[in-house]
Amino acid sequence: MRAQVVWYSNEEGWGRLVADEVAGEIFVHFSIVSGRRGLRAGQEVEIDFEPLRSAQDGCWYSATRVDPAPPAA
């Protein structure tokens, strides 16, 4: 699924994503970012995600895979 980075701190190693198919924001941790690269606000990414049992920093979903999206054609 395609998502967009809302906020990400390279220093803290976490941030938030949004996707049209998901109600609310998705938590992202650096450990699942492909190549452990940093992210930036507004960046498009491809993700897999899962629901959380309890909120993580206000998010009810967590990304399980994050890859930079290829440029739109």
N, C-alpha and C. Protein backbone atom coordinates (compact mmCIF):
# COMPACT_ATOMS: atom_id res chain seq x y z
N MET A 1 0.84 -1.16 0.00
CA MET A 1 0.00 0.00 0.00
C MET A 1 0.89 1.24 0.00
N ARG A 2 0.44 2.26 -0.68
CA ARG A 2 1.18 3.52 -0.73
C ARG A 2 0.75 4.40 0.44
N ALA A 3 1.72 5.07 1.05
CA ALA A 3 1.47 5.98 2.18
C ALA A 3 2.37 7.19 2.04
N GLN A 4 2.15 8.17 2.89
CA GLN A 4 2.95 9.39 2.88
C GLN A 4 3.45 9.65 4.30
N VAL A 5 4.70 10.10 4.39
CA VAL A 5 5.29 10.45 5.68
C VAL A 5 4.70 11.78 6.14
N VAL A 6 4.12 11.78 7.34
CA VAL A 6 3.59 13.01 7.94
C VAL A 6 4.69 13.70 8.71
N TRP A 7 5.40 12.91 9.51
CA TRP A 7 6.46 13.43 10.37
C TRP A 7 7.42 12.29 10.64
N TYR A 8 8.72 12.61 10.69
CA TYR A 8 9.72 11.59 11.01
C TYR A 8 10.94 12.28 11.60
N SER A 9 11.43 11.75 12.72
CA SER A 9 12.64 12.27 13.35
C SER A 9 13.78 11.28 13.12
N ASN A 10 14.77 11.68 12.32
CA ASN A 10 15.94 10.81 12.12
C ASN A 10 16.72 10.65 13.41
N GLU A 11 16.71 11.66 14.28
CA GLU A 11 17.43 11.57 15.56
C GLU A 11 16.77 10.57 16.51
N GLU A 12 15.44 10.59 16.58
CA GLU A 12 14.71 9.69 17.49
C GLU A 12 14.40 8.34 16.84
N GLY A 13 14.38 8.29 15.51
CA GLY A 13 14.17 7.03 14.81
C GLY A 13 12.73 6.57 14.70
N TRP A 14 11.80 7.49 14.73
CA TRP A 14 10.41 7.11 14.56
C TRP A 14 9.60 8.27 13.98
N GLY A 15 8.39 7.94 13.53
CA GLY A 15 7.53 8.97 12.97
C GLY A 15 6.15 8.43 12.69
N ARG A 16 5.43 9.13 11.79
CA ARG A 16 4.05 8.78 11.48
C ARG A 16 3.80 8.86 9.98
N LEU A 17 2.93 7.97 9.53
CA LEU A 17 2.54 7.90 8.12
C LEU A 17 1.03 8.03 8.03
N VAL A 18 0.53 8.39 6.84
CA VAL A 18 -0.90 8.34 6.56
C VAL A 18 -1.11 7.62 5.24
N ALA A 19 -2.25 6.93 5.14
CA ALA A 19 -2.64 6.24 3.92
C ALA A 19 -4.15 6.39 3.77
N ASP A 20 -4.62 6.52 2.54
CA ASP A 20 -6.05 6.69 2.29
C ASP A 20 -6.88 5.53 2.85
N GLU A 21 -6.32 4.33 2.85
CA GLU A 21 -7.06 3.15 3.27
C GLU A 21 -7.11 2.96 4.79
N VAL A 22 -6.44 3.80 5.55
CA VAL A 22 -6.34 3.62 7.00
C VAL A 22 -6.88 4.86 7.72
N ALA A 23 -7.76 4.62 8.69
CA ALA A 23 -8.29 5.73 9.50
C ALA A 23 -7.27 6.03 10.59
N GLY A 24 -6.67 7.19 10.55
CA GLY A 24 -5.67 7.57 11.55
C GLY A 24 -4.26 7.42 11.01
N GLU A 25 -3.32 7.76 11.88
CA GLU A 25 -1.91 7.71 11.49
C GLU A 25 -1.30 6.35 11.83
N ILE A 26 -0.22 6.03 11.13
CA ILE A 26 0.49 4.75 11.28
C ILE A 26 1.87 5.03 11.86
N PHE A 27 2.20 4.37 12.97
CA PHE A 27 3.51 4.51 13.62
C PHE A 27 4.56 3.82 12.77
N VAL A 28 5.73 4.44 12.63
CA VAL A 28 6.84 3.83 11.90
C VAL A 28 8.11 3.97 12.74
N HIS A 29 8.87 2.87 12.85
CA HIS A 29 10.14 2.84 13.58
C HIS A 29 11.26 2.57 12.59
N PHE A 30 12.42 3.17 12.82
CA PHE A 30 13.54 3.04 11.86
C PHE A 30 13.92 1.60 11.59
N SER A 31 13.69 0.69 12.52
CA SER A 31 14.13 -0.70 12.36
C SER A 31 13.44 -1.42 11.21
N ILE A 32 12.30 -0.91 10.71
CA ILE A 32 11.63 -1.57 9.60
C ILE A 32 11.74 -0.80 8.30
N VAL A 33 12.46 0.32 8.30
CA VAL A 33 12.65 1.10 7.07
C VAL A 33 13.72 0.42 6.22
N SER A 34 13.38 0.13 4.97
CA SER A 34 14.29 -0.55 4.06
C SER A 34 15.63 0.18 3.99
N GLY A 35 16.71 -0.54 4.22
CA GLY A 35 18.04 0.04 4.16
C GLY A 35 18.35 0.97 5.32
N ARG A 36 17.46 1.03 6.30
CA ARG A 36 17.61 1.89 7.49
C ARG A 36 17.85 3.35 7.12
N ARG A 37 17.30 3.76 5.96
CA ARG A 37 17.43 5.14 5.52
C ARG A 37 16.47 6.03 6.29
N GLY A 38 16.82 7.28 6.40
CA GLY A 38 15.92 8.23 7.03
C GLY A 38 14.75 8.55 6.11
N LEU A 39 13.70 9.08 6.69
CA LEU A 39 12.53 9.51 5.94
C LEU A 39 12.36 11.00 6.10
N ARG A 40 11.54 11.61 5.24
CA ARG A 40 11.28 13.04 5.33
C ARG A 40 9.79 13.31 5.13
N ALA A 41 9.29 14.34 5.74
CA ALA A 41 7.88 14.70 5.62
C ALA A 41 7.51 14.89 4.16
N GLY A 42 6.36 14.35 3.76
CA GLY A 42 5.89 14.45 2.39
C GLY A 42 6.36 13.33 1.48
N GLN A 43 7.33 12.54 1.91
CA GLN A 43 7.87 11.46 1.09
C GLN A 43 6.82 10.35 0.92
N GLU A 44 6.72 9.82 -0.30
CA GLU A 44 5.84 8.68 -0.59
C GLU A 44 6.61 7.40 -0.29
N VAL A 45 5.92 6.44 0.34
CA VAL A 45 6.52 5.15 0.68
C VAL A 45 5.52 4.03 0.41
N GLU A 46 6.04 2.83 0.22
CA GLU A 46 5.23 1.62 0.12
C GLU A 46 5.32 0.93 1.48
N ILE A 47 4.16 0.50 2.02
CA ILE A 47 4.17 -0.07 3.36
C ILE A 47 3.31 -1.32 3.46
N ASP A 48 3.59 -2.10 4.50
CA ASP A 48 2.70 -3.10 5.07
C ASP A 48 2.49 -2.63 6.49
N PHE A 49 1.35 -2.95 7.08
CA PHE A 49 1.10 -2.50 8.45
C PHE A 49 0.21 -3.50 9.16
N GLU A 50 0.08 -3.33 10.48
CA GLU A 50 -0.79 -4.17 11.29
C GLU A 50 -1.42 -3.33 12.39
N PRO A 51 -2.60 -3.74 12.86
CA PRO A 51 -3.22 -3.02 13.97
C PRO A 51 -2.46 -3.32 15.27
N LEU A 52 -2.49 -2.38 16.18
CA LEU A 52 -1.86 -2.55 17.49
C LEU A 52 -2.95 -2.86 18.53
N ARG A 53 -2.62 -3.61 19.57
CA ARG A 53 -3.58 -3.89 20.65
C ARG A 53 -3.87 -2.65 21.48
N SER A 54 -2.85 -1.84 21.66
CA SER A 54 -3.02 -0.57 22.37
C SER A 54 -2.24 0.49 21.61
N ALA A 55 -2.62 1.73 21.80
CA ALA A 55 -2.01 2.82 21.03
C ALA A 55 -0.52 2.96 21.31
N GLN A 56 0.24 3.23 20.26
CA GLN A 56 1.68 3.51 20.33
C GLN A 56 1.85 4.96 19.95
N ASP A 57 2.17 5.81 20.90
CA ASP A 57 2.32 7.25 20.64
C ASP A 57 1.11 7.82 19.90
N GLY A 58 -0.09 7.36 20.29
CA GLY A 58 -1.33 7.87 19.71
C GLY A 58 -1.76 7.19 18.43
N CYS A 59 -1.01 6.20 17.95
CA CYS A 59 -1.36 5.49 16.71
C CYS A 59 -1.92 4.11 17.04
N TRP A 60 -2.92 3.68 16.27
CA TRP A 60 -3.51 2.35 16.45
C TRP A 60 -3.01 1.34 15.42
N TYR A 61 -2.09 1.77 14.56
CA TYR A 61 -1.50 0.91 13.55
C TYR A 61 0.02 1.11 13.54
N SER A 62 0.73 0.05 13.16
CA SER A 62 2.19 0.12 13.09
C SER A 62 2.65 -0.45 11.75
N ALA A 63 3.56 0.25 11.10
CA ALA A 63 4.13 -0.24 9.84
C ALA A 63 5.02 -1.44 10.13
N THR A 64 4.94 -2.46 9.27
CA THR A 64 5.78 -3.64 9.40
C THR A 64 6.83 -3.71 8.29
N ARG A 65 6.66 -2.86 7.26
CA ARG A 65 7.61 -2.74 6.16
C ARG A 65 7.46 -1.35 5.57
N VAL A 66 8.58 -0.68 5.31
CA VAL A 66 8.55 0.63 4.67
C VAL A 66 9.65 0.68 3.62
N ASP A 67 9.26 0.91 2.37
CA ASP A 67 10.20 1.07 1.25
C ASP A 67 9.89 2.38 0.56
N PRO A 68 10.92 3.13 0.15
CA PRO A 68 10.66 4.34 -0.62
C PRO A 68 9.86 3.97 -1.88
N ALA A 69 8.84 4.75 -2.18
CA ALA A 69 8.01 4.49 -3.36
C ALA A 69 8.75 4.93 -4.62
N PRO A 70 8.58 4.19 -5.69
CA PRO A 70 9.19 4.64 -6.95
C PRO A 70 8.51 5.93 -7.40
N PRO A 71 9.20 6.78 -8.12
CA PRO A 71 8.59 8.02 -8.61
C PRO A 71 7.35 7.73 -9.44
N ALA A 72 6.34 8.58 -9.31
CA ALA A 72 5.11 8.42 -10.11
C ALA A 72 5.43 8.63 -11.58
N ALA A 73 4.80 7.82 -12.41
CA ALA A 73 5.05 7.91 -13.86
C ALA A 73 4.24 9.02 -14.48
